[in-house]
Every structure is written in structure tokens, then in C-alpha cells.
Amino acid sequence: QVQLVESGGGLVQPGGSLRLSCAASVSFTSLHGMGWYRQAPGKQRELVATLGNNGNTNYADSVKVRFTISRDTAENTVYLQMNSRKPEDTAVYYCNAWRYLPRRRDYWGQGTQVTVSS
């Protein structure tokens, strides 16, 4: 079982920055990748950014350039640096990790609220 613990959510003003962290209970080498999703009120959960264990990244068009996903392999932690925040970025952000066993198996954190408001 993989446990994911998120931190770093909160209130930020438009244009501000915030960094989310997600610590995994297993090493990156036992996963195929990690990423972040978000869910705004009344909307479906959507992909924000992913980072494969080969280093490949993928971003939603709405966050490209503004957000950066990275990892600290020694700490088994993935980060999401969010700059130039917009009100539409307000959502609950979920950390995700996946493995192929051989079918894909997804693991989720508990979610952290991020609110962009003046």
C-alpha cells in the first residue's frame, strides 16, 4: 500500500505563489510516476501535472509556464510550485501516484485546499 501525505495548501492572493508538497511512503523506484490533480466545486477532478519516474513531465494547458512539478528523490517527495495564481486555480489539490501491476493502480492523498482570492 502507498500512502501520500500532502501539505502546503492555503490562501493566496491572485498573482501570488504557493508550493505544495507530497510525501510518499515508498521510494520513487517502486512507482511509475507521481502527479497532482485538482477538483473545483461542481467540477470533475482534472489533471494538473505529472512526473514519470523517467523524468518526463506533463502539464494541463491551463497551468503550463505557471506551474512546475519536481521531486526530491532522497525524500520521496514531489512538489508543485504554483506561480501567478488565478482565482480559477481555486480547488482541492490531490497528490497521485501510480504503478503498473501490470494494470495501472492509482493511489491518492487526502487532498489539500488551495484558495486564490484577494
PDB file of N, CA and C in Angstrom:
ATOM      1  N   GLN A   1       0.846  -1.184   0.000  1.00  0.00           N
ATOM      2  CA  GLN A   1       0.000   0.000   0.000  1.00  0.00           C
ATOM      3  C   GLN A   1       0.890   1.247   0.000  1.00  0.00           C
ATOM      4  N   VAL A   2       0.475   2.252  -0.752  1.00  0.00           N
ATOM      5  CA  VAL A   2       1.207   3.504  -0.841  1.00  0.00           C
ATOM      6  C   VAL A   2       0.407   4.587  -0.139  1.00  0.00           C
ATOM      7  N   GLN A   3       1.046   5.286   0.757  1.00  0.00           N
ATOM      8  CA  GLN A   3       0.403   6.420   1.427  1.00  0.00           C
ATOM      9  C   GLN A   3       1.032   7.716   0.951  1.00  0.00           C
ATOM     10  N   LEU A   4       0.172   8.699   0.713  1.00  0.00           N
ATOM     11  CA  LEU A   4       0.613  10.007   0.228  1.00  0.00           C
ATOM     12  C   LEU A   4       0.107  11.063   1.193  1.00  0.00           C
ATOM     13  N   VAL A   5       0.996  11.929   1.628  1.00  0.00           N
ATOM     14  CA  VAL A   5       0.634  12.983   2.576  1.00  0.00           C
ATOM     15  C   VAL A   5       0.975  14.333   1.965  1.00  0.00           C
ATOM     16  N   GLU A   6      -0.068  15.138   1.746  1.00  0.00           N
ATOM     17  CA  GLU A   6       0.113  16.451   1.132  1.00  0.00           C
ATOM     18  C   GLU A   6       0.245  17.529   2.205  1.00  0.00           C
ATOM     19  N   SER A   7       0.883  18.609   1.828  1.00  0.00           N
ATOM     20  CA  SER A   7       0.966  19.782   2.694  1.00  0.00           C
ATOM     21  C   SER A   7       1.205  21.008   1.829  1.00  0.00           C
ATOM     22  N   GLY A   8       0.961  22.182   2.409  1.00  0.00           N
ATOM     23  CA  GLY A   8       1.283  23.427   1.728  1.00  0.00           C
ATOM     24  C   GLY A   8       0.095  24.197   1.187  1.00  0.00           C
ATOM     25  N   GLY A   9      -1.106  23.694   1.322  1.00  0.00           N
ATOM     26  CA  GLY A   9      -2.261  24.421   0.834  1.00  0.00           C
ATOM     27  C   GLY A   9      -2.568  25.641   1.681  1.00  0.00           C
ATOM     28  N   GLY A  10      -3.480  26.478   1.189  1.00  0.00           N
ATOM     29  CA  GLY A  10      -3.861  27.662   1.949  1.00  0.00           C
ATOM     30  C   GLY A  10      -4.444  28.731   1.053  1.00  0.00           C
ATOM     31  N   LEU A  11      -4.450  29.936   1.568  1.00  0.00           N
ATOM     32  CA  LEU A  11      -4.996  31.092   0.861  1.00  0.00           C
ATOM     33  C   LEU A  11      -3.858  31.899   0.251  1.00  0.00           C
ATOM     34  N   VAL A  12      -4.012  32.260  -0.998  1.00  0.00           N
ATOM     35  CA  VAL A  12      -3.010  33.084  -1.663  1.00  0.00           C
ATOM     36  C   VAL A  12      -3.723  34.128  -2.502  1.00  0.00           C
ATOM     37  N   GLN A  13      -3.136  35.289  -2.629  1.00  0.00           N
ATOM     38  CA  GLN A  13      -3.734  36.354  -3.432  1.00  0.00           C
ATOM     39  C   GLN A  13      -3.469  36.103  -4.917  1.00  0.00           C
ATOM     40  N   PRO A  14      -4.318  36.617  -5.770  1.00  0.00           N
ATOM     41  CA  PRO A  14      -4.060  36.493  -7.213  1.00  0.00           C
ATOM     42  C   PRO A  14      -2.672  37.024  -7.564  1.00  0.00           C
ATOM     43  N   GLY A  15      -1.992  36.276  -8.397  1.00  0.00           N
ATOM     44  CA  GLY A  15      -0.631  36.634  -8.768  1.00  0.00           C
ATOM     45  C   GLY A  15       0.423  36.100  -7.833  1.00  0.00           C
ATOM     46  N   GLY A  16       0.002  35.563  -6.702  1.00  0.00           N
ATOM     47  CA  GLY A  16       0.946  35.059  -5.716  1.00  0.00           C
ATOM     48  C   GLY A  16       1.433  33.665  -6.037  1.00  0.00           C
ATOM     49  N   SER A  17       2.302  33.166  -5.153  1.00  0.00           N
ATOM     50  CA  SER A  17       2.896  31.843  -5.335  1.00  0.00           C
ATOM     51  C   SER A  17       2.629  30.963  -4.131  1.00  0.00           C
ATOM     52  N   LEU A  18       2.650  29.662  -4.408  1.00  0.00           N
ATOM     53  CA  LEU A  18       2.439  28.679  -3.350  1.00  0.00           C
ATOM     54  C   LEU A  18       3.100  27.387  -3.794  1.00  0.00           C
ATOM     55  N   ARG A  19       3.627  26.639  -2.844  1.00  0.00           N
ATOM     56  CA  ARG A  19       4.218  25.348  -3.180  1.00  0.00           C
ATOM     57  C   ARG A  19       3.549  24.243  -2.381  1.00  0.00           C
ATOM     58  N   LEU A  20       3.104  23.223  -3.082  1.00  0.00           N
ATOM     59  CA  LEU A  20       2.541  22.040  -2.451  1.00  0.00           C
ATOM     60  C   LEU A  20       3.592  20.949  -2.381  1.00  0.00           C
ATOM     61  N   SER A  21       3.515  20.146  -1.328  1.00  0.00           N
ATOM     62  CA  SER A  21       4.414  19.010  -1.161  1.00  0.00           C
ATOM     63  C   SER A  21       3.603  17.746  -0.982  1.00  0.00           C
ATOM     64  N   CYS A  22       4.161  16.638  -1.437  1.00  0.00           N
ATOM     65  CA  CYS A  22       3.512  15.341  -1.257  1.00  0.00           C
ATOM     66  C   CYS A  22       4.594  14.317  -0.947  1.00  0.00           C
ATOM     67  N   ALA A  23       4.530  13.764   0.249  1.00  0.00           N
ATOM     68  CA  ALA A  23       5.497  12.765   0.674  1.00  0.00           C
ATOM     69  C   ALA A  23       4.909  11.366   0.501  1.00  0.00           C
ATOM     70  N   ALA A  24       5.641  10.509  -0.171  1.00  0.00           N
ATOM     71  CA  ALA A  24       5.194   9.132  -0.392  1.00  0.00           C
ATOM     72  C   ALA A  24       5.831   8.205   0.638  1.00  0.00           C
ATOM     73  N   SER A  25       5.105   7.145   0.978  1.00  0.00           N
ATOM     74  CA  SER A  25       5.590   6.184   1.977  1.00  0.00           C
ATOM     75  C   SER A  25       6.520   5.149   1.358  1.00  0.00           C
ATOM     76  N   VAL A  26       6.692   5.222   0.022  1.00  0.00           N
ATOM     77  CA  VAL A  26       7.586   4.299  -0.673  1.00  0.00           C
ATOM     78  C   VAL A  26       8.543   5.105  -1.531  1.00  0.00           C
ATOM     79  N   SER A  27       9.591   4.461  -2.003  1.00  0.00           N
ATOM     80  CA  SER A  27      10.558   5.171  -2.841  1.00  0.00           C
ATOM     81  C   SER A  27      10.026   5.336  -4.249  1.00  0.00           C
ATOM     82  N   PHE A  28      10.562   6.325  -4.954  1.00  0.00           N
ATOM     83  CA  PHE A  28      10.143   6.575  -6.332  1.00  0.00           C
ATOM     84  C   PHE A  28      10.404   5.375  -7.224  1.00  0.00           C
ATOM     85  N   THR A  29      11.438   4.615  -6.921  1.00  0.00           N
ATOM     86  CA  THR A  29      11.785   3.486  -7.778  1.00  0.00           C
ATOM     87  C   THR A  29      10.727   2.399  -7.761  1.00  0.00           C
ATOM     88  N   SER A  30       9.862   2.399  -6.748  1.00  0.00           N
ATOM     89  CA  SER A  30       8.783   1.408  -6.688  1.00  0.00           C
ATOM     90  C   SER A  30       7.504   1.918  -7.339  1.00  0.00           C
ATOM     91  N   LEU A  31       7.536   3.142  -7.850  1.00  0.00           N
ATOM     92  CA  LEU A  31       6.396   3.758  -8.533  1.00  0.00           C
ATOM     93  C   LEU A  31       6.741   4.012  -9.988  1.00  0.00           C
ATOM     94  N   HIS A  32       5.728   4.208 -10.798  1.00  0.00           N
ATOM     95  CA  HIS A  32       5.948   4.588 -12.186  1.00  0.00           C
ATOM     96  C   HIS A  32       5.799   6.093 -12.389  1.00  0.00           C
ATOM     97  N   GLY A  33       5.241   6.764 -11.420  1.00  0.00           N
ATOM     98  CA  GLY A  33       5.150   8.209 -11.517  1.00  0.00           C
ATOM     99  C   GLY A  33       4.295   8.783 -10.417  1.00  0.00           C
ATOM    100  N   MET A  34       4.359  10.102 -10.299  1.00  0.00           N
ATOM    101  CA  MET A  34       3.537  10.840  -9.343  1.00  0.00           C
ATOM    102  C   MET A  34       3.028  12.100 -10.019  1.00  0.00           C
ATOM    103  N   GLY A  35       1.989  12.666  -9.434  1.00  0.00           N
ATOM    104  CA  GLY A  35       1.452  13.874 -10.037  1.00  0.00           C
ATOM    105  C   GLY A  35       0.452  14.556  -9.141  1.00  0.00           C
ATOM    106  N   TRP A  36      -0.151  15.591  -9.701  1.00  0.00           N
ATOM    107  CA  TRP A  36      -1.149  16.378  -8.994  1.00  0.00           C
ATOM    108  C   TRP A  36      -2.405  16.520  -9.851  1.00  0.00           C
ATOM    109  N   TYR A  37      -3.540  16.409  -9.185  1.00  0.00           N
ATOM    110  CA  TYR A  37      -4.846  16.644  -9.784  1.00  0.00           C
ATOM    111  C   TYR A  37      -5.556  17.676  -8.917  1.00  0.00           C
ATOM    112  N   ARG A  38      -6.609  18.254  -9.447  1.00  0.00           N
ATOM    113  CA  ARG A  38      -7.399  19.193  -8.653  1.00  0.00           C
ATOM    114  C   ARG A  38      -8.875  19.065  -9.002  1.00  0.00           C
ATOM    115  N   GLN A  39      -9.681  19.451  -8.024  1.00  0.00           N
ATOM    116  CA  GLN A  39     -11.124  19.408  -8.209  1.00  0.00           C
ATOM    117  C   GLN A  39     -11.734  20.665  -7.620  1.00  0.00           C
ATOM    118  N   ALA A  40     -12.331  21.464  -8.489  1.00  0.00           N
ATOM    119  CA  ALA A  40     -13.023  22.668  -8.063  1.00  0.00           C
ATOM    120  C   ALA A  40     -14.479  22.331  -7.745  1.00  0.00           C
ATOM    121  N   PRO A  41     -15.156  23.145  -6.948  1.00  0.00           N
ATOM    122  CA  PRO A  41     -16.546  22.862  -6.601  1.00  0.00           C
ATOM    123  C   PRO A  41     -17.416  22.720  -7.845  1.00  0.00           C
ATOM    124  N   GLY A  42     -18.177  21.636  -7.901  1.00  0.00           N
ATOM    125  CA  GLY A  42     -19.087  21.415  -9.015  1.00  0.00           C
ATOM    126  C   GLY A  42     -18.433  20.928 -10.287  1.00  0.00           C
ATOM    127  N   LYS A  43     -17.125  20.644 -10.230  1.00  0.00           N
ATOM    128  CA  LYS A  43     -16.413  20.202 -11.426  1.00  0.00           C
ATOM    129  C   LYS A  43     -15.765  18.843 -11.194  1.00  0.00           C
ATOM    130  N   GLN A  44     -15.399  18.201 -12.292  1.00  0.00           N
ATOM    131  CA  GLN A  44     -14.713  16.923 -12.198  1.00  0.00           C
ATOM    132  C   GLN A  44     -13.241  17.129 -11.849  1.00  0.00           C
ATOM    133  N   ARG A  45     -12.676  16.090 -11.269  1.00  0.00           N
ATOM    134  CA  ARG A  45     -11.249  16.139 -10.977  1.00  0.00           C
ATOM    135  C   ARG A  45     -10.482  16.170 -12.296  1.00  0.00           C
ATOM    136  N   GLU A  46      -9.452  17.040 -12.343  1.00  0.00           N
ATOM    137  CA  GLU A  46      -8.684  17.183 -13.569  1.00  0.00           C
ATOM    138  C   GLU A  46      -7.188  17.098 -13.299  1.00  0.00           C
ATOM    139  N   LEU A  47      -6.467  16.653 -14.309  1.00  0.00           N
ATOM    140  CA  LEU A  47      -5.016  16.572 -14.198  1.00  0.00           C
ATOM    141  C   LEU A  47      -4.403  17.968 -14.166  1.00  0.00           C
ATOM    142  N   VAL A  48      -3.410  18.137 -13.308  1.00  0.00           N
ATOM    143  CA  VAL A  48      -2.654  19.383 -13.263  1.00  0.00           C
ATOM    144  C   VAL A  48      -1.259  19.155 -13.850  1.00  0.00           C
ATOM    145  N   ALA A  49      -0.547  18.198 -13.287  1.00  0.00           N
ATOM    146  CA  ALA A  49       0.812  17.910 -13.750  1.00  0.00           C
ATOM    147  C   ALA A  49       1.213  16.517 -13.299  1.00  0.00           C
ATOM    148  N   THR A  50       2.023  15.850 -14.120  1.00  0.00           N
ATOM    149  CA  THR A  50       2.550  14.541 -13.748  1.00  0.00           C
ATOM    150  C   THR A  50       4.049  14.483 -14.016  1.00  0.00           C
ATOM    151  N   LEU A  51       4.699  13.590 -13.267  1.00  0.00           N
ATOM    152  CA  LEU A  51       6.138  13.404 -13.398  1.00  0.00           C
ATOM    153  C   LEU A  51       6.407  11.910 -13.386  1.00  0.00           C
ATOM    154  N   GLY A  52       6.839  11.370 -14.530  1.00  0.00           N
ATOM    155  CA  GLY A  52       7.148   9.958 -14.599  1.00  0.00           C
ATOM    156  C   GLY A  52       8.484   9.644 -13.950  1.00  0.00           C
ATOM    157  N   ASN A  53       8.690   8.385 -13.598  1.00  0.00           N
ATOM    158  CA  ASN A  53       9.956   8.056 -12.947  1.00  0.00           C
ATOM    159  C   ASN A  53      11.124   8.111 -13.920  1.00  0.00           C
ATOM    160  N   ASN A  54      10.817   8.329 -15.220  1.00  0.00           N
ATOM    161  CA  ASN A  54      11.884   8.573 -16.200  1.00  0.00           C
ATOM    162  C   ASN A  54      12.189  10.052 -16.346  1.00  0.00           C
ATOM    163  N   GLY A  55      11.491  10.885 -15.572  1.00  0.00           N
ATOM    164  CA  GLY A  55      11.723  12.321 -15.593  1.00  0.00           C
ATOM    165  C   GLY A  55      10.808  13.102 -16.528  1.00  0.00           C
ATOM    166  N   ASN A  56       9.994  12.400 -17.317  1.00  0.00           N
ATOM    167  CA  ASN A  56       9.087  13.098 -18.232  1.00  0.00           C
ATOM    168  C   ASN A  56       7.976  13.800 -17.466  1.00  0.00           C
ATOM    169  N   THR A  57       7.648  15.011 -17.895  1.00  0.00           N
ATOM    170  CA  THR A  57       6.588  15.783 -17.267  1.00  0.00           C
ATOM    171  C   THR A  57       5.441  16.021 -18.249  1.00  0.00           C
ATOM    172  N   ASN A  58       4.267  16.236 -17.672  1.00  0.00           N
ATOM    173  CA  ASN A  58       3.078  16.545 -18.465  1.00  0.00           C
ATOM    174  C   ASN A  58       2.268  17.556 -17.686  1.00  0.00           C
ATOM    175  N   TYR A  59       1.798  18.618 -18.371  1.00  0.00           N
ATOM    176  CA  TYR A  59       1.047  19.676 -17.717  1.00  0.00           C
ATOM    177  C   TYR A  59      -0.271  19.930 -18.434  1.00  0.00           C
ATOM    178  N   ALA A  60      -1.280  20.312 -17.662  1.00  0.00           N
ATOM    179  CA  ALA A  60      -2.511  20.808 -18.259  1.00  0.00           C
ATOM    180  C   ALA A  60      -2.201  22.134 -18.955  1.00  0.00           C
ATOM    181  N   ASP A  61      -2.869  22.397 -20.061  1.00  0.00           N
ATOM    182  CA  ASP A  61      -2.620  23.637 -20.794  1.00  0.00           C
ATOM    183  C   ASP A  61      -2.840  24.868 -19.921  1.00  0.00           C
ATOM    184  N   SER A  62      -3.789  24.778 -19.000  1.00  0.00           N
ATOM    185  CA  SER A  62      -4.150  25.938 -18.184  1.00  0.00           C
ATOM    186  C   SER A  62      -3.080  26.323 -17.171  1.00  0.00           C
ATOM    187  N   VAL A  63      -2.105  25.424 -16.931  1.00  0.00           N
ATOM    188  CA  VAL A  63      -1.095  25.720 -15.921  1.00  0.00           C
ATOM    189  C   VAL A  63       0.314  25.751 -16.487  1.00  0.00           C
ATOM    190  N   LYS A  64       0.447  25.421 -17.764  1.00  0.00           N
ATOM    191  CA  LYS A  64       1.786  25.450 -18.369  1.00  0.00           C
ATOM    192  C   LYS A  64       2.426  26.820 -18.173  1.00  0.00           C
ATOM    193  N   VAL A  65       3.707  26.831 -17.948  1.00  0.00           N
ATOM    194  CA  VAL A  65       4.513  28.027 -17.705  1.00  0.00           C
ATOM    195  C   VAL A  65       4.350  28.502 -16.265  1.00  0.00           C
ATOM    196  N   ARG A  66       3.136  28.459 -15.718  1.00  0.00           N
ATOM    197  CA  ARG A  66       2.912  28.982 -14.362  1.00  0.00           C
ATOM    198  C   ARG A  66       3.270  27.975 -13.271  1.00  0.00           C
ATOM    199  N   PHE A  67       3.044  26.685 -13.519  1.00  0.00           N
ATOM    200  CA  PHE A  67       3.266  25.641 -12.512  1.00  0.00           C
ATOM    201  C   PHE A  67       4.467  24.786 -12.908  1.00  0.00           C
ATOM    202  N   THR A  68       5.160  24.274 -11.894  1.00  0.00           N
ATOM    203  CA  THR A  68       6.288  23.384 -12.131  1.00  0.00           C
ATOM    204  C   THR A  68       6.230  22.215 -11.157  1.00  0.00           C
ATOM    205  N   ILE A  69       6.318  21.010 -11.693  1.00  0.00           N
ATOM    206  CA  ILE A  69       6.361  19.823 -10.854  1.00  0.00           C
ATOM    207  C   ILE A  69       7.808  19.353 -10.760  1.00  0.00           C
ATOM    208  N   SER A  70       8.200  18.938  -9.559  1.00  0.00           N
ATOM    209  CA  SER A  70       9.567  18.472  -9.354  1.00  0.00           C
ATOM    210  C   SER A  70       9.566  17.443  -8.235  1.00  0.00           C
ATOM    211  N   ARG A  71      10.728  16.846  -7.976  1.00  0.00           N
ATOM    212  CA  ARG A  71      10.790  15.833  -6.933  1.00  0.00           C
ATOM    213  C   ARG A  71      12.135  15.865  -6.227  1.00  0.00           C
ATOM    214  N   ASP A  72      12.104  15.359  -5.011  1.00  0.00           N
ATOM    215  CA  ASP A  72      13.305  15.133  -4.228  1.00  0.00           C
ATOM    216  C   ASP A  72      13.367  13.622  -4.002  1.00  0.00           C
ATOM    217  N   THR A  73      14.206  12.955  -4.751  1.00  0.00           N
ATOM    218  CA  THR A  73      14.248  11.500  -4.694  1.00  0.00           C
ATOM    219  C   THR A  73      14.653  10.995  -3.308  1.00  0.00           C
ATOM    220  N   ALA A  74      15.567  11.677  -2.682  1.00  0.00           N
ATOM    221  CA  ALA A  74      16.034  11.238  -1.366  1.00  0.00           C
ATOM    222  C   ALA A  74      14.929  11.314  -0.324  1.00  0.00           C
ATOM    223  N   GLU A  75      14.005  12.259  -0.498  1.00  0.00           N
ATOM    224  CA  GLU A  75      12.915  12.447   0.469  1.00  0.00           C
ATOM    225  C   GLU A  75      11.619  11.803   0.010  1.00  0.00           C
ATOM    226  N   ASN A  76      11.635  11.167  -1.172  1.00  0.00           N
ATOM    227  CA  ASN A  76      10.407  10.563  -1.725  1.00  0.00           C
ATOM    228  C   ASN A  76       9.269  11.577  -1.755  1.00  0.00           C
ATOM    229  N   THR A  77       9.586  12.795  -2.144  1.00  0.00           N
ATOM    230  CA  THR A  77       8.623  13.890  -2.110  1.00  0.00           C
ATOM    231  C   THR A  77       8.522  14.536  -3.480  1.00  0.00           C
ATOM    232  N   VAL A  78       7.299  14.840  -3.890  1.00  0.00           N
ATOM    233  CA  VAL A  78       7.065  15.570  -5.126  1.00  0.00           C
ATOM    234  C   VAL A  78       6.474  16.924  -4.771  1.00  0.00           C
ATOM    235  N   TYR A  79       6.839  17.939  -5.533  1.00  0.00           N
ATOM    236  CA  TYR A  79       6.406  19.303  -5.282  1.00  0.00           C
ATOM    237  C   TYR A  79       5.627  19.853  -6.469  1.00  0.00           C
ATOM    238  N   LEU A  80       4.774  20.807  -6.174  1.00  0.00           N
ATOM    239  CA  LEU A  80       4.103  21.572  -7.216  1.00  0.00           C
ATOM    240  C   LEU A  80       4.271  23.040  -6.881  1.00  0.00           C
ATOM    241  N   GLN A  81       5.129  23.699  -7.625  1.00  0.00           N
ATOM    242  CA  GLN A  81       5.338  25.139  -7.463  1.00  0.00           C
ATOM    243  C   GLN A  81       4.323  25.854  -8.337  1.00  0.00           C
ATOM    244  N   MET A  82       3.512  26.674  -7.707  1.00  0.00           N
ATOM    245  CA  MET A  82       2.443  27.370  -8.424  1.00  0.00           C
ATOM    246  C   MET A  82       2.700  28.864  -8.364  1.00  0.00           C
ATOM    247  N   ASN A  83       2.927  29.470  -9.502  1.00  0.00           N
ATOM    248  CA  ASN A  83       3.159  30.909  -9.602  1.00  0.00           C
ATOM    249  C   ASN A  83       2.024  31.565 -10.365  1.00  0.00           C
ATOM    250  N   SER A  84       1.974  32.874 -10.260  1.00  0.00           N
ATOM    251  CA  SER A  84       0.967  33.659 -11.000  1.00  0.00           C
ATOM    252  C   SER A  84      -0.431  33.069 -10.830  1.00  0.00           C
ATOM    253  N   ARG A  85      -0.796  32.836  -9.569  1.00  0.00           N
ATOM    254  CA  ARG A  85      -2.054  32.175  -9.293  1.00  0.00           C
ATOM    255  C   ARG A  85      -3.236  33.002  -9.766  1.00  0.00           C
ATOM    256  N   LYS A  86      -4.278  32.282 -10.217  1.00  0.00           N
ATOM    257  CA  LYS A  86      -5.511  32.901 -10.693  1.00  0.00           C
ATOM    258  C   LYS A  86      -6.675  32.385  -9.838  1.00  0.00           C
ATOM    259  N   PRO A  87      -7.762  33.146  -9.744  1.00  0.00           N
ATOM    260  CA  PRO A  87      -8.913  32.668  -8.967  1.00  0.00           C
ATOM    261  C   PRO A  87      -9.410  31.305  -9.440  1.00  0.00           C
ATOM    262  N   GLU A  88      -9.302  31.040 -10.725  1.00  0.00           N
ATOM    263  CA  GLU A  88      -9.776  29.748 -11.247  1.00  0.00           C
ATOM    264  C   GLU A  88      -8.877  28.577 -10.853  1.00  0.00           C
ATOM    265  N   ASP A  89      -7.762  28.860 -10.195  1.00  0.00           N
ATOM    266  CA  ASP A  89      -6.919  27.797  -9.657  1.00  0.00           C
ATOM    267  C   ASP A  89      -7.443  27.290  -8.310  1.00  0.00           C
ATOM    268  N   THR A  90      -8.445  27.952  -7.786  1.00  0.00           N
ATOM    269  CA  THR A  90      -9.015  27.528  -6.507  1.00  0.00           C
ATOM    270  C   THR A  90      -9.613  26.140  -6.636  1.00  0.00           C
ATOM    271  N   ALA A  91      -9.173  25.239  -5.779  1.00  0.00           N
ATOM    272  CA  ALA A  91      -9.629  23.842  -5.844  1.00  0.00           C
ATOM    273  C   ALA A  91      -9.011  23.058  -4.699  1.00  0.00           C
ATOM    274  N   VAL A  92      -9.472  21.839  -4.541  1.00  0.00           N
ATOM    275  CA  VAL A  92      -8.771  20.886  -3.685  1.00  0.00           C
ATOM    276  C   VAL A  92      -7.755  20.161  -4.568  1.00  0.00           C
ATOM    277  N   TYR A  93      -6.517  20.183  -4.141  1.00  0.00           N
ATOM    278  CA  TYR A  93      -5.440  19.569  -4.907  1.00  0.00           C
ATOM    279  C   TYR A  93      -5.103  18.207  -4.297  1.00  0.00           C
ATOM    280  N   TYR A  94      -5.037  17.211  -5.166  1.00  0.00           N
ATOM    281  CA  TYR A  94      -4.784  15.839  -4.730  1.00  0.00           C
ATOM    282  C   TYR A  94      -3.466  15.342  -5.297  1.00  0.00           C
ATOM    283  N   CYS A  95      -2.687  14.730  -4.441  1.00  0.00           N
ATOM    284  CA  CYS A  95      -1.468  14.062  -4.898  1.00  0.00           C
ATOM    285  C   CYS A  95      -1.837  12.670  -5.406  1.00  0.00           C
ATOM    286  N   ASN A  96      -1.168  12.263  -6.452  1.00  0.00           N
ATOM    287  CA  ASN A  96      -1.441  10.967  -7.082  1.00  0.00           C
ATOM    288  C   ASN A  96      -0.129  10.230  -7.343  1.00  0.00           C
ATOM    289  N   ALA A  97      -0.177   8.932  -7.195  1.00  0.00           N
ATOM    290  CA  ALA A  97       0.955   8.088  -7.575  1.00  0.00           C
ATOM    291  C   ALA A  97       0.393   6.863  -8.290  1.00  0.00           C
ATOM    292  N   TRP A  98       1.180   6.282  -9.184  1.00  0.00           N
ATOM    293  CA  TRP A  98       0.669   5.116  -9.899  1.00  0.00           C
ATOM    294  C   TRP A  98       1.764   4.087 -10.136  1.00  0.00           C
ATOM    295  N   ARG A  99       1.275   2.856 -10.294  1.00  0.00           N
ATOM    296  CA  ARG A  99       2.105   1.702 -10.631  1.00  0.00           C
ATOM    297  C   ARG A  99       1.366   0.868 -11.650  1.00  0.00           C
ATOM    298  N   TYR A 100       2.121   0.082 -12.413  1.00  0.00           N
ATOM    299  CA  TYR A 100       1.523  -0.905 -13.306  1.00  0.00           C
ATOM    300  C   TYR A 100       1.835  -2.276 -12.722  1.00  0.00           C
ATOM    301  N   LEU A 101       0.801  -3.013 -12.359  1.00  0.00           N
ATOM    302  CA  LEU A 101       0.969  -4.250 -11.590  1.00  0.00           C
ATOM    303  C   LEU A 101       0.451  -5.538 -12.227  1.00  0.00           C
ATOM    304  N   PRO A 102       0.224  -5.790 -13.489  1.00  0.00           N
ATOM    305  CA  PRO A 102       0.563  -4.931 -14.613  1.00  0.00           C
ATOM    306  C   PRO A 102      -0.469  -3.851 -14.929  1.00  0.00           C
ATOM    307  N   ARG A 103      -1.714  -4.023 -14.441  1.00  0.00           N
ATOM    308  CA  ARG A 103      -2.676  -2.949 -14.694  1.00  0.00           C
ATOM    309  C   ARG A 103      -2.324  -1.748 -13.844  1.00  0.00           C
ATOM    310  N   ARG A 104      -2.733  -0.594 -14.310  1.00  0.00           N
ATOM    311  CA  ARG A 104      -2.432   0.624 -13.572  1.00  0.00           C
ATOM    312  C   ARG A 104      -3.200   0.644 -12.263  1.00  0.00           C
ATOM    313  N   ARG A 105      -2.489   0.943 -11.211  1.00  0.00           N
ATOM    314  CA  ARG A 105      -3.088   1.093  -9.895  1.00  0.00           C
ATOM    315  C   ARG A 105      -2.757   2.499  -9.406  1.00  0.00           C
ATOM    316  N   ASP A 106      -3.776   3.263  -9.043  1.00  0.00           N
ATOM    317  CA  ASP A 106      -3.604   4.648  -8.590  1.00  0.00           C
ATOM    318  C   ASP A 106      -3.760   4.751  -7.085  1.00  0.00           C
ATOM    319  N   TYR A 107      -2.979   5.642  -6.521  1.00  0.00           N
ATOM    320  CA  TYR A 107      -3.044   5.948  -5.094  1.00  0.00           C
ATOM    321  C   TYR A 107      -3.268   7.454  -4.952  1.00  0.00           C
ATOM    322  N   TRP A 108      -4.004   7.846  -3.911  1.00  0.00           N
ATOM    323  CA  TRP A 108      -4.381   9.244  -3.751  1.00  0.00           C
ATOM    324  C   TRP A 108      -4.111   9.733  -2.337  1.00  0.00           C
ATOM    325  N   GLY A 109      -3.743  11.008  -2.264  1.00  0.00           N
ATOM    326  CA  GLY A 109      -3.649  11.661  -0.970  1.00  0.00           C
ATOM    327  C   GLY A 109      -5.028  12.136  -0.538  1.00  0.00           C
ATOM    328  N   GLN A 110      -5.068  12.747   0.632  1.00  0.00           N
ATOM    329  CA  GLN A 110      -6.342  13.175   1.198  1.00  0.00           C
ATOM    330  C   GLN A 110      -6.820  14.504   0.609  1.00  0.00           C
ATOM    331  N   GLY A 111      -5.957  15.212  -0.069  1.00  0.00           N
ATOM    332  CA  GLY A 111      -6.313  16.485  -0.676  1.00  0.00           C
ATOM    333  C   GLY A 111      -5.980  17.660   0.220  1.00  0.00           C
ATOM    334  N   THR A 112      -5.641  18.772  -0.410  1.00  0.00           N
ATOM    335  CA  THR A 112      -5.350  19.998   0.323  1.00  0.00           C
ATOM    336  C   THR A 112      -6.012  21.167  -0.396  1.00  0.00           C
ATOM    337  N   GLN A 113      -6.678  22.025   0.369  1.00  0.00           N
ATOM    338  CA  GLN A 113      -7.427  23.137  -0.215  1.00  0.00           C
ATOM    339  C   GLN A 113      -6.485  24.284  -0.571  1.00  0.00           C
ATOM    340  N   VAL A 114      -6.645  24.775  -1.784  1.00  0.00           N
ATOM    341  CA  VAL A 114      -5.923  25.974  -2.230  1.00  0.00           C
ATOM    342  C   VAL A 114      -6.965  26.981  -2.695  1.00  0.00           C
ATOM    343  N   THR A 115      -6.917  28.161  -2.110  1.00  0.00           N
ATOM    344  CA  THR A 115      -7.866  29.215  -2.445  1.00  0.00           C
ATOM    345  C   THR A 115      -7.111  30.442  -2.930  1.00  0.00           C
ATOM    346  N   VAL A 116      -7.507  30.947  -4.085  1.00  0.00           N
ATOM    347  CA  VAL A 116      -6.892  32.155  -4.646  1.00  0.00           C
ATOM    348  C   VAL A 116      -7.932  33.263  -4.576  1.00  0.00           C
ATOM    349  N   SER A 117      -7.675  34.219  -3.725  1.00  0.00           N
ATOM    350  CA  SER A 117      -8.650  35.283  -3.511  1.00  0.00           C
ATOM    351  C   SER A 117      -7.963  36.501  -2.917  1.00  0.00           C
ATOM    352  N   SER A 118      -8.492  37.651  -3.274  1.00  0.00           N
ATOM    353  CA  SER A 118      -7.970  38.891  -2.683  1.00  0.00           C
ATOM    354  C   SER A 118      -8.786  39.278  -1.454  1.00  0.00           C
TER     355      SER A 118
END
